PDB file of N, CA and C in Angstrom:
ATOM      1  N   MET A   1       5.711   3.600 -21.326  1.00  0.00           N
ATOM      2  CA  MET A   1       5.045   3.661 -20.044  1.00  0.00           C
ATOM      3  C   MET A   1       5.962   3.180 -18.914  1.00  0.00           C
ATOM      4  N   ALA A   2       6.792   2.192 -19.199  1.00  0.00           N
ATOM      5  CA  ALA A   2       7.703   1.668 -18.177  1.00  0.00           C
ATOM      6  C   ALA A   2       8.662   2.743 -17.689  1.00  0.00           C
ATOM      7  N   TRP A   3       9.113   3.608 -18.598  1.00  0.00           N
ATOM      8  CA  TRP A   3      10.037   4.675 -18.203  1.00  0.00           C
ATOM      9  C   TRP A   3       9.344   5.693 -17.301  1.00  0.00           C
ATOM     10  N   THR A   4       8.086   5.992 -17.588  1.00  0.00           N
ATOM     11  CA  THR A   4       7.321   6.913 -16.737  1.00  0.00           C
ATOM     12  C   THR A   4       7.173   6.327 -15.339  1.00  0.00           C
ATOM     13  N   ILE A   5       6.840   5.064 -15.273  1.00  0.00           N
ATOM     14  CA  ILE A   5       6.703   4.377 -13.989  1.00  0.00           C
ATOM     15  C   ILE A   5       8.037   4.389 -13.251  1.00  0.00           C
ATOM     16  N   LEU A   6       9.119   4.154 -13.978  1.00  0.00           N
ATOM     17  CA  LEU A   6      10.443   4.147 -13.359  1.00  0.00           C
ATOM     18  C   LEU A   6      10.810   5.518 -12.798  1.00  0.00           C
ATOM     19  N   VAL A   7      10.500   6.569 -13.530  1.00  0.00           N
ATOM     20  CA  VAL A   7      10.797   7.920 -13.045  1.00  0.00           C
ATOM     21  C   VAL A   7       9.989   8.221 -11.784  1.00  0.00           C
ATOM     22  N   ILE A   8       8.718   7.838 -11.767  1.00  0.00           N
ATOM     23  CA  ILE A   8       7.900   8.037 -10.562  1.00  0.00           C
ATOM     24  C   ILE A   8       8.481   7.243  -9.397  1.00  0.00           C
ATOM     25  N   ALA A   9       8.916   6.029  -9.664  1.00  0.00           N
ATOM     26  CA  ALA A   9       9.555   5.219  -8.619  1.00  0.00           C
ATOM     27  C   ALA A   9      10.810   5.905  -8.099  1.00  0.00           C
ATOM     28  N   GLY A  10      11.577   6.507  -8.992  1.00  0.00           N
ATOM     29  CA  GLY A  10      12.785   7.224  -8.591  1.00  0.00           C
ATOM     30  C   GLY A  10      12.473   8.448  -7.748  1.00  0.00           C
ATOM     31  N   ILE A  11      11.422   9.162  -8.112  1.00  0.00           N
ATOM     32  CA  ILE A  11      11.017  10.328  -7.323  1.00  0.00           C
ATOM     33  C   ILE A  11      10.567   9.892  -5.933  1.00  0.00           C
ATOM     34  N   LEU A  12       9.839   8.787  -5.870  1.00  0.00           N
ATOM     35  CA  LEU A  12       9.446   8.258  -4.559  1.00  0.00           C
ATOM     36  C   LEU A  12      10.660   7.804  -3.760  1.00  0.00           C
ATOM     37  N   GLU A  13      11.695   7.343  -4.454  1.00  0.00           N
ATOM     38  CA  GLU A  13      12.915   6.978  -3.738  1.00  0.00           C
ATOM     39  C   GLU A  13      13.553   8.213  -3.110  1.00  0.00           C
ATOM     40  N   VAL A  14      13.520   9.314  -3.824  1.00  0.00           N
ATOM     41  CA  VAL A  14      14.011  10.570  -3.239  1.00  0.00           C
ATOM     42  C   VAL A  14      13.209  10.873  -1.975  1.00  0.00           C
ATOM     43  N   GLY A  15      11.896  10.695  -2.069  1.00  0.00           N
ATOM     44  CA  GLY A  15      11.029  10.957  -0.921  1.00  0.00           C
ATOM     45  C   GLY A  15      11.380  10.137   0.294  1.00  0.00           C
ATOM     46  N   TRP A  16      11.635   8.847   0.081  1.00  0.00           N
ATOM     47  CA  TRP A  16      11.941   8.039   1.267  1.00  0.00           C
ATOM     48  C   TRP A  16      13.367   8.247   1.750  1.00  0.00           C
ATOM     49  N   ALA A  17      14.267   8.554   0.841  1.00  0.00           N
ATOM     50  CA  ALA A  17      15.642   8.829   1.277  1.00  0.00           C
ATOM     51  C   ALA A  17      15.676  10.093   2.137  1.00  0.00           C
ATOM     52  N   VAL A  18      14.996  11.130   1.679  1.00  0.00           N
ATOM     53  CA  VAL A  18      14.911  12.366   2.451  1.00  0.00           C
ATOM     54  C   VAL A  18      14.109  12.125   3.731  1.00  0.00           C
ATOM     55  N   GLY A  19      13.043  11.341   3.619  1.00  0.00           N
ATOM     56  CA  GLY A  19      12.208  11.038   4.780  1.00  0.00           C
ATOM     57  C   GLY A  19      12.978  10.391   5.910  1.00  0.00           C
ATOM     58  N   LEU A  20      13.977   9.593   5.571  1.00  0.00           N
ATOM     59  CA  LEU A  20      14.786   8.957   6.614  1.00  0.00           C
ATOM     60  C   LEU A  20      15.373   9.982   7.574  1.00  0.00           C
ATOM     61  N   LYS A  21      15.755  11.137   7.042  1.00  0.00           N
ATOM     62  CA  LYS A  21      16.332  12.181   7.891  1.00  0.00           C
ATOM     63  C   LYS A  21      15.310  12.660   8.920  1.00  0.00           C
ATOM     64  N   TYR A  22      14.070  12.739   8.504  1.00  0.00           N
ATOM     65  CA  TYR A  22      13.032  13.294   9.366  1.00  0.00           C
ATOM     66  C   TYR A  22      12.399  12.266  10.308  1.00  0.00           C
ATOM     67  N   THR A  23      12.692  10.991  10.116  1.00  0.00           N
ATOM     68  CA  THR A  23      12.170   9.988  11.043  1.00  0.00           C
ATOM     69  C   THR A  23      12.924   9.993  12.365  1.00  0.00           C
ATOM     70  N   GLU A  24      14.128  10.595  12.339  1.00  0.00           N
ATOM     71  CA  GLU A  24      15.011  10.619  13.515  1.00  0.00           C
ATOM     72  C   GLU A  24      15.194   9.207  14.075  1.00  0.00           C
ATOM     73  N   GLY A  25      15.699   8.345  13.195  1.00  0.00           N
ATOM     74  CA  GLY A  25      15.955   6.956  13.596  1.00  0.00           C
ATOM     75  C   GLY A  25      14.668   6.174  13.811  1.00  0.00           C
ATOM     76  N   PHE A  26      13.650   6.487  13.048  1.00  0.00           N
ATOM     77  CA  PHE A  26      12.332   5.854  13.129  1.00  0.00           C
ATOM     78  C   PHE A  26      11.669   6.076  14.494  1.00  0.00           C
ATOM     79  N   SER A  27      12.006   7.184  15.134  1.00  0.00           N
ATOM     80  CA  SER A  27      11.416   7.493  16.440  1.00  0.00           C
ATOM     81  C   SER A  27      10.220   8.447  16.325  1.00  0.00           C
ATOM     82  N   ARG A  28       9.993   9.018  15.142  1.00  0.00           N
ATOM     83  CA  ARG A  28       8.847   9.905  14.928  1.00  0.00           C
ATOM     84  C   ARG A  28       7.842   9.189  14.045  1.00  0.00           C
ATOM     85  N   LEU A  29       6.637   8.982  14.564  1.00  0.00           N
ATOM     86  CA  LEU A  29       5.636   8.139  13.910  1.00  0.00           C
ATOM     87  C   LEU A  29       5.205   8.667  12.546  1.00  0.00           C
ATOM     88  N   GLY A  30       4.816   9.923  12.448  1.00  0.00           N
ATOM     89  CA  GLY A  30       4.326  10.469  11.179  1.00  0.00           C
ATOM     90  C   GLY A  30       5.331  10.350  10.051  1.00  0.00           C
ATOM     91  N   PRO A  31       6.533  10.890  10.241  1.00  0.00           N
ATOM     92  CA  PRO A  31       7.533  10.761   9.174  1.00  0.00           C
ATOM     93  C   PRO A  31       7.908   9.304   8.877  1.00  0.00           C
ATOM     94  N   THR A  32       7.881   8.464   9.894  1.00  0.00           N
ATOM     95  CA  THR A  32       8.196   7.046   9.674  1.00  0.00           C
ATOM     96  C   THR A  32       7.152   6.397   8.780  1.00  0.00           C
ATOM     97  N   ILE A  33       5.879   6.659   9.040  1.00  0.00           N
ATOM     98  CA  ILE A  33       4.803   6.081   8.219  1.00  0.00           C
ATOM     99  C   ILE A  33       4.924   6.557   6.780  1.00  0.00           C
ATOM    100  N   LEU A  34       5.132   7.862   6.583  1.00  0.00           N
ATOM    101  CA  LEU A  34       5.265   8.391   5.225  1.00  0.00           C
ATOM    102  C   LEU A  34       6.483   7.818   4.511  1.00  0.00           C
ATOM    103  N   THR A  35       7.564   7.659   5.229  1.00  0.00           N
ATOM    104  CA  THR A  35       8.790   7.109   4.642  1.00  0.00           C
ATOM    105  C   THR A  35       8.581   5.659   4.217  1.00  0.00           C
ATOM    106  N   VAL A  36       7.972   4.872   5.077  1.00  0.00           N
ATOM    107  CA  VAL A  36       7.725   3.457   4.749  1.00  0.00           C
ATOM    108  C   VAL A  36       6.760   3.347   3.565  1.00  0.00           C
ATOM    109  N   LEU A  37       5.732   4.182   3.526  1.00  0.00           N
ATOM    110  CA  LEU A  37       4.807   4.159   2.384  1.00  0.00           C
ATOM    111  C   LEU A  37       5.525   4.509   1.084  1.00  0.00           C
ATOM    112  N   ALA A  38       6.407   5.506   1.144  1.00  0.00           N
ATOM    113  CA  ALA A  38       7.178   5.871  -0.050  1.00  0.00           C
ATOM    114  C   ALA A  38       8.099   4.728  -0.474  1.00  0.00           C
ATOM    115  N   MET A  39       8.686   4.028   0.510  1.00  0.00           N
ATOM    116  CA  MET A  39       9.551   2.877   0.201  1.00  0.00           C
ATOM    117  C   MET A  39       8.776   1.792  -0.535  1.00  0.00           C
ATOM    118  N   VAL A  40       7.626   1.444   0.015  1.00  0.00           N
ATOM    119  CA  VAL A  40       6.816   0.370  -0.567  1.00  0.00           C
ATOM    120  C   VAL A  40       6.353   0.757  -1.971  1.00  0.00           C
ATOM    121  N   ALA A  41       5.869   1.987  -2.131  1.00  0.00           N
ATOM    122  CA  ALA A  41       5.400   2.430  -3.446  1.00  0.00           C
ATOM    123  C   ALA A  41       6.544   2.480  -4.449  1.00  0.00           C
ATOM    124  N   SER A  42       7.697   2.986  -4.018  1.00  0.00           N
ATOM    125  CA  SER A  42       8.845   3.087  -4.911  1.00  0.00           C
ATOM    126  C   SER A  42       9.297   1.717  -5.400  1.00  0.00           C
ATOM    127  N   MET A  43       9.438   0.797  -4.475  1.00  0.00           N
ATOM    128  CA  MET A  43       9.886  -0.546  -4.866  1.00  0.00           C
ATOM    129  C   MET A  43       8.824  -1.276  -5.678  1.00  0.00           C
ATOM    130  N   GLY A  44       7.561  -1.043  -5.347  1.00  0.00           N
ATOM    131  CA  GLY A  44       6.479  -1.655  -6.122  1.00  0.00           C
ATOM    132  C   GLY A  44       6.491  -1.182  -7.565  1.00  0.00           C
ATOM    133  N   LEU A  45       6.657   0.121  -7.754  1.00  0.00           N
ATOM    134  CA  LEU A  45       6.716   0.652  -9.112  1.00  0.00           C
ATOM    135  C   LEU A  45       7.973   0.189  -9.839  1.00  0.00           C
ATOM    136  N   LEU A  46       9.080   0.091  -9.131  1.00  0.00           N
ATOM    137  CA  LEU A  46      10.286  -0.458  -9.747  1.00  0.00           C
ATOM    138  C   LEU A  46      10.014  -1.884 -10.237  1.00  0.00           C
ATOM    139  N   GLY A  47       9.333  -2.654  -9.417  1.00  0.00           N
ATOM    140  CA  GLY A  47       8.987  -4.024  -9.806  1.00  0.00           C
ATOM    141  C   GLY A  47       8.141  -4.074 -11.070  1.00  0.00           C
ATOM    142  N   ILE A  48       7.237  -3.118 -11.203  1.00  0.00           N
ATOM    143  CA  ILE A  48       6.407  -3.054 -12.419  1.00  0.00           C
ATOM    144  C   ILE A  48       7.264  -2.657 -13.624  1.00  0.00           C
ATOM    145  N   ALA A  49       8.147  -1.685 -13.430  1.00  0.00           N
ATOM    146  CA  ALA A  49       8.984  -1.209 -14.538  1.00  0.00           C
ATOM    147  C   ALA A  49       9.902  -2.298 -15.073  1.00  0.00           C
ATOM    148  N   VAL A  50      10.404  -3.160 -14.185  1.00  0.00           N
ATOM    149  CA  VAL A  50      11.353  -4.184 -14.653  1.00  0.00           C
ATOM    150  C   VAL A  50      10.664  -5.341 -15.364  1.00  0.00           C
ATOM    151  N   ARG A  51       9.365  -5.298 -15.442  1.00  0.00           N
ATOM    152  CA  ARG A  51       8.672  -6.290 -16.283  1.00  0.00           C
ATOM    153  C   ARG A  51       9.099  -6.143 -17.741  1.00  0.00           C
ATOM    154  N   THR A  52       9.380  -4.889 -18.151  1.00  0.00           N
ATOM    155  CA  THR A  52       9.753  -4.657 -19.551  1.00  0.00           C
ATOM    156  C   THR A  52      11.146  -4.062 -19.725  1.00  0.00           C
ATOM    157  N   LEU A  53      11.659  -3.378 -18.714  1.00  0.00           N
ATOM    158  CA  LEU A  53      13.004  -2.800 -18.817  1.00  0.00           C
ATOM    159  C   LEU A  53      14.047  -3.772 -18.277  1.00  0.00           C
ATOM    160  N   PRO A  54      15.248  -3.737 -18.816  1.00  0.00           N
ATOM    161  CA  PRO A  54      16.319  -4.572 -18.268  1.00  0.00           C
ATOM    162  C   PRO A  54      16.587  -4.201 -16.801  1.00  0.00           C
ATOM    163  N   ILE A  55      16.775  -5.190 -15.952  1.00  0.00           N
ATOM    164  CA  ILE A  55      16.944  -4.947 -14.526  1.00  0.00           C
ATOM    165  C   ILE A  55      18.143  -4.049 -14.227  1.00  0.00           C
ATOM    166  N   GLY A  56      19.250  -4.278 -14.893  1.00  0.00           N
ATOM    167  CA  GLY A  56      20.439  -3.470 -14.643  1.00  0.00           C
ATOM    168  C   GLY A  56      20.207  -2.005 -14.979  1.00  0.00           C
ATOM    169  N   THR A  57      19.564  -1.750 -16.097  1.00  0.00           N
ATOM    170  CA  THR A  57      19.251  -0.383 -16.504  1.00  0.00           C
ATOM    171  C   THR A  57      18.262   0.248 -15.538  1.00  0.00           C
ATOM    172  N   ALA A  58      17.181  -0.449 -15.255  1.00  0.00           N
ATOM    173  CA  ALA A  58      16.133   0.092 -14.388  1.00  0.00           C
ATOM    174  C   ALA A  58      16.677   0.386 -12.987  1.00  0.00           C
ATOM    175  N   TYR A  59      17.439  -0.541 -12.438  1.00  0.00           N
ATOM    176  CA  TYR A  59      17.950  -0.346 -11.087  1.00  0.00           C
ATOM    177  C   TYR A  59      18.946   0.812 -11.043  1.00  0.00           C
ATOM    178  N   ALA A  60      19.802   0.899 -12.043  1.00  0.00           N
ATOM    179  CA  ALA A  60      20.778   1.993 -12.088  1.00  0.00           C
ATOM    180  C   ALA A  60      20.085   3.346 -12.219  1.00  0.00           C
ATOM    181  N   VAL A  61      19.072   3.435 -13.052  1.00  0.00           N
ATOM    182  CA  VAL A  61      18.335   4.681 -13.215  1.00  0.00           C
ATOM    183  C   VAL A  61      17.579   5.020 -11.931  1.00  0.00           C
ATOM    184  N   TRP A  62      16.942   4.047 -11.328  1.00  0.00           N
ATOM    185  CA  TRP A  62      16.179   4.240 -10.084  1.00  0.00           C
ATOM    186  C   TRP A  62      17.077   4.779  -8.974  1.00  0.00           C
ATOM    187  N   THR A  63      18.208   4.123  -8.776  1.00  0.00           N
ATOM    188  CA  THR A  63      19.117   4.593  -7.729  1.00  0.00           C
ATOM    189  C   THR A  63      19.768   5.929  -8.111  1.00  0.00           C
ATOM    190  N   GLY A  64      20.002   6.136  -9.402  1.00  0.00           N
ATOM    191  CA  GLY A  64      20.574   7.405  -9.854  1.00  0.00           C
ATOM    192  C   GLY A  64      19.638   8.572  -9.579  1.00  0.00           C
ATOM    193  N   ILE A  65      18.360   8.386  -9.880  1.00  0.00           N
ATOM    194  CA  ILE A  65      17.373   9.427  -9.596  1.00  0.00           C
ATOM    195  C   ILE A  65      17.324   9.690  -8.096  1.00  0.00           C
ATOM    196  N   GLY A  66      17.332   8.616  -7.311  1.00  0.00           N
ATOM    197  CA  GLY A  66      17.303   8.769  -5.856  1.00  0.00           C
ATOM    198  C   GLY A  66      18.531   9.485  -5.332  1.00  0.00           C
ATOM    199  N   THR A  67      19.680   9.111  -5.831  1.00  0.00           N
ATOM    200  CA  THR A  67      20.929   9.738  -5.408  1.00  0.00           C
ATOM    201  C   THR A  67      20.952  11.217  -5.781  1.00  0.00           C
ATOM    202  N   LEU A  68      20.626  11.495  -7.016  1.00  0.00           N
ATOM    203  CA  LEU A  68      20.623  12.868  -7.502  1.00  0.00           C
ATOM    204  C   LEU A  68      19.622  13.721  -6.725  1.00  0.00           C
ATOM    205  N   GLY A  69      18.410  13.207  -6.564  1.00  0.00           N
ATOM    206  CA  GLY A  69      17.377  13.963  -5.857  1.00  0.00           C
ATOM    207  C   GLY A  69      17.721  14.219  -4.402  1.00  0.00           C
ATOM    208  N   ALA A  70      18.245  13.208  -3.726  1.00  0.00           N
ATOM    209  CA  ALA A  70      18.614  13.381  -2.318  1.00  0.00           C
ATOM    210  C   ALA A  70      19.769  14.375  -2.180  1.00  0.00           C
ATOM    211  N   ALA A  71      20.724  14.295  -3.093  1.00  0.00           N
ATOM    212  CA  ALA A  71      21.855  15.229  -3.042  1.00  0.00           C
ATOM    213  C   ALA A  71      21.394  16.659  -3.308  1.00  0.00           C
ATOM    214  N   LEU A  72      20.522  16.839  -4.289  1.00  0.00           N
ATOM    215  CA  LEU A  72      20.008  18.180  -4.580  1.00  0.00           C
ATOM    216  C   LEU A  72      19.180  18.721  -3.423  1.00  0.00           C
ATOM    217  N   PHE A  73      18.384  17.867  -2.796  1.00  0.00           N
ATOM    218  CA  PHE A  73      17.627  18.286  -1.614  1.00  0.00           C
ATOM    219  C   PHE A  73      18.589  18.751  -0.530  1.00  0.00           C
ATOM    220  N   GLY A  74      19.633  17.992  -0.316  1.00  0.00           N
ATOM    221  CA  GLY A  74      20.619  18.362   0.687  1.00  0.00           C
ATOM    222  C   GLY A  74      21.256  19.711   0.399  1.00  0.00           C
ATOM    223  N   ILE A  75      21.558  19.942  -0.865  1.00  0.00           N
ATOM    224  CA  ILE A  75      22.175  21.215  -1.251  1.00  0.00           C
ATOM    225  C   ILE A  75      21.178  22.365  -1.128  1.00  0.00           C
ATOM    226  N   LEU A  76      19.991  22.187  -1.692  1.00  0.00           N
ATOM    227  CA  LEU A  76      19.031  23.283  -1.777  1.00  0.00           C
ATOM    228  C   LEU A  76      18.287  23.568  -0.481  1.00  0.00           C
ATOM    229  N   VAL A  77      18.024  22.527   0.307  1.00  0.00           N
ATOM    230  CA  VAL A  77      17.200  22.694   1.508  1.00  0.00           C
ATOM    231  C   VAL A  77      18.023  22.644   2.792  1.00  0.00           C
ATOM    232  N   LEU A  78      18.986  21.740   2.818  1.00  0.00           N
ATOM    233  CA  LEU A  78      19.722  21.528   4.060  1.00  0.00           C
ATOM    234  C   LEU A  78      21.056  22.267   4.117  1.00  0.00           C
ATOM    235  N   GLY A  79      21.393  22.966   3.052  1.00  0.00           N
ATOM    236  CA  GLY A  79      22.615  23.757   3.052  1.00  0.00           C
ATOM    237  C   GLY A  79      23.898  22.951   2.948  1.00  0.00           C
ATOM    238  N   GLU A  80      23.813  21.757   2.359  1.00  0.00           N
ATOM    239  CA  GLU A  80      25.017  20.945   2.183  1.00  0.00           C
ATOM    240  C   GLU A  80      25.904  21.555   1.099  1.00  0.00           C
ATOM    241  N   SER A  81      27.130  21.124   1.056  1.00  0.00           N
ATOM    242  CA  SER A  81      28.125  21.668   0.138  1.00  0.00           C
ATOM    243  C   SER A  81      27.682  21.542  -1.321  1.00  0.00           C
ATOM    244  N   ALA A  82      27.943  22.615  -2.075  1.00  0.00           N
ATOM    245  CA  ALA A  82      27.682  22.616  -3.515  1.00  0.00           C
ATOM    246  C   ALA A  82      28.959  22.987  -4.257  1.00  0.00           C
ATOM    247  N   ASN A  83      30.075  22.418  -3.816  1.00  0.00           N
ATOM    248  CA  ASN A  83      31.343  22.768  -4.465  1.00  0.00           C
ATOM    249  C   ASN A  83      31.407  22.189  -5.871  1.00  0.00           C
ATOM    250  N   LEU A  84      32.333  22.691  -6.649  1.00  0.00           N
ATOM    251  CA  LEU A  84      32.429  22.326  -8.062  1.00  0.00           C
ATOM    252  C   LEU A  84      32.617  20.825  -8.269  1.00  0.00           C
ATOM    253  N   LEU A  85      33.450  20.194  -7.476  1.00  0.00           N
ATOM    254  CA  LEU A  85      33.687  18.761  -7.637  1.00  0.00           C
ATOM    255  C   LEU A  85      32.417  17.956  -7.372  1.00  0.00           C
ATOM    256  N   ARG A  86      31.692  18.328  -6.335  1.00  0.00           N
ATOM    257  CA  ARG A  86      30.443  17.616  -6.019  1.00  0.00           C
ATOM    258  C   ARG A  86      29.420  17.800  -7.151  1.00  0.00           C
ATOM    259  N   LEU A  87      29.275  19.018  -7.638  1.00  0.00           N
ATOM    260  CA  LEU A  87      28.340  19.272  -8.734  1.00  0.00           C
ATOM    261  C   LEU A  87      28.760  18.542 -10.004  1.00  0.00           C
ATOM    262  N   THR A  88      30.053  18.443 -10.247  1.00  0.00           N
ATOM    263  CA  THR A  88      30.553  17.698 -11.403  1.00  0.00           C
ATOM    264  C   THR A  88      30.169  16.222 -11.287  1.00  0.00           C
ATOM    265  N   CYS A  89      30.321  15.667 -10.107  1.00  0.00           N
ATOM    266  CA  CYS A  89      29.960  14.263  -9.899  1.00  0.00           C
ATOM    267  C   CYS A  89      28.463  14.047 -10.107  1.00  0.00           C
ATOM    268  N   LEU A  90      27.643  14.991  -9.663  1.00  0.00           N
ATOM    269  CA  LEU A  90      26.200  14.884  -9.885  1.00  0.00           C
ATOM    270  C   LEU A  90      25.867  14.951 -11.375  1.00  0.00           C
ATOM    271  N   MET A  91      26.602  15.777 -12.108  1.00  0.00           N
ATOM    272  CA  MET A  91      26.406  15.838 -13.566  1.00  0.00           C
ATOM    273  C   MET A  91      26.762  14.509 -14.233  1.00  0.00           C
ATOM    274  N   LEU A  92      27.772  13.830 -13.706  1.00  0.00           N
ATOM    275  CA  LEU A  92      28.127  12.509 -14.242  1.00  0.00           C
ATOM    276  C   LEU A  92      26.983  11.515 -14.027  1.00  0.00           C
ATOM    277  N   ILE A  93      26.305  11.617 -12.885  1.00  0.00           N
ATOM    278  CA  ILE A  93      25.158  10.745 -12.640  1.00  0.00           C
ATOM    279  C   ILE A  93      24.056  11.027 -13.659  1.00  0.00           C
ATOM    280  N   ILE A  94      23.792  12.316 -13.910  1.00  0.00           N
ATOM    281  CA  ILE A  94      22.784  12.685 -14.910  1.00  0.00           C
ATOM    282  C   ILE A  94      23.170  12.127 -16.275  1.00  0.00           C
ATOM    283  N   GLY A  95      24.434  12.242 -16.634  1.00  0.00           N
ATOM    284  CA  GLY A  95      24.906  11.700 -17.906  1.00  0.00           C
ATOM    285  C   GLY A  95      24.735  10.195 -17.982  1.00  0.00           C
ATOM    286  N   GLY A  96      24.999   9.516 -16.887  1.00  0.00           N
ATOM    287  CA  GLY A  96      24.822   8.066 -16.858  1.00  0.00           C
ATOM    288  C   GLY A  96      23.370   7.663 -17.025  1.00  0.00           C
ATOM    289  N   ILE A  97      22.472   8.366 -16.351  1.00  0.00           N
ATOM    290  CA  ILE A  97      21.041   8.070 -16.486  1.00  0.00           C
ATOM    291  C   ILE A  97      20.593   8.303 -17.926  1.00  0.00           C
ATOM    292  N   ALA A  98      20.986   9.443 -18.501  1.00  0.00           N
ATOM    293  CA  ALA A  98      20.615   9.744 -19.886  1.00  0.00           C
ATOM    294  C   ALA A  98      21.184   8.704 -20.846  1.00  0.00           C
ATOM    295  N   GLY A  99      22.423   8.316 -20.634  1.00  0.00           N
ATOM    296  CA  GLY A  99      23.038   7.306 -21.492  1.00  0.00           C
ATOM    297  C   GLY A  99      22.325   5.970 -21.417  1.00  0.00           C
ATOM    298  N   LEU A 100      21.943   5.560 -20.225  1.00  0.00           N
ATOM    299  CA  LEU A 100      21.215   4.299 -20.085  1.00  0.00           C
ATOM    300  C   LEU A 100      19.860   4.357 -20.770  1.00  0.00           C
ATOM    301  N   LYS A 101      19.201   5.504 -20.698  1.00  0.00           N
ATOM    302  CA  LYS A 101      17.911   5.660 -21.366  1.00  0.00           C
ATOM    303  C   LYS A 101      18.092   5.554 -22.875  1.00  0.00           C
ATOM    304  N   VAL A 102      19.081   6.247 -23.410  1.00  0.00           N
ATOM    305  CA  VAL A 102      19.317   6.239 -24.845  1.00  0.00           C
ATOM    306  C   VAL A 102      19.677   4.839 -25.339  1.00  0.00           C
ATOM    307  N   LEU A 103      20.478   4.121 -24.560  1.00  0.00           N
ATOM    308  CA  LEU A 103      20.969   2.812 -24.986  1.00  0.00           C
ATOM    309  C   LEU A 103      20.032   1.663 -24.630  1.00  0.00           C
ATOM    310  N   SER A 104      18.952   1.947 -23.909  1.00  0.00           N
ATOM    311  CA  SER A 104      18.047   0.901 -23.444  1.00  0.00           C
ATOM    312  C   SER A 104      17.225   0.328 -24.585  1.00  0.00           C
ATOM    313  N   SER A 105      16.979  -0.955 -24.477  1.00  0.00           N
ATOM    314  CA  SER A 105      16.127  -1.614 -25.465  1.00  0.00           C
ATOM    315  C   SER A 105      14.668  -1.607 -25.034  1.00  0.00           C
ATOM    316  N   GLY A 106      14.382  -1.078 -23.801  1.00  0.00           N
ATOM    317  CA  GLY A 106      13.011  -1.101 -23.267  1.00  0.00           C
ATOM    318  C   GLY A 106      12.185   0.085 -23.598  1.00  0.00           C
TER     319      GLY A 106
END
């Protein structure tokens, strides 16, 4: 259950990371409220997940999901670069997340 909670927290991290772009420096009320709510929910769920998962593993996976999701959003929605080197680096993040899951004692 902790891993499910952690994945949801990571997805919410993607939401708030992407949301930051749409707040326009926290000058737009609607996107700012949604971004802050996603931040609070994401960190709250991370806090629940680390009750049973090792903090280093949980934090690395949480930030990895956020990094990967934000980068993919940038590529797929915002037209950011999808060159081979960048995609290779994203694959390394996926490998790191998978490795931490496999090696985790939680």
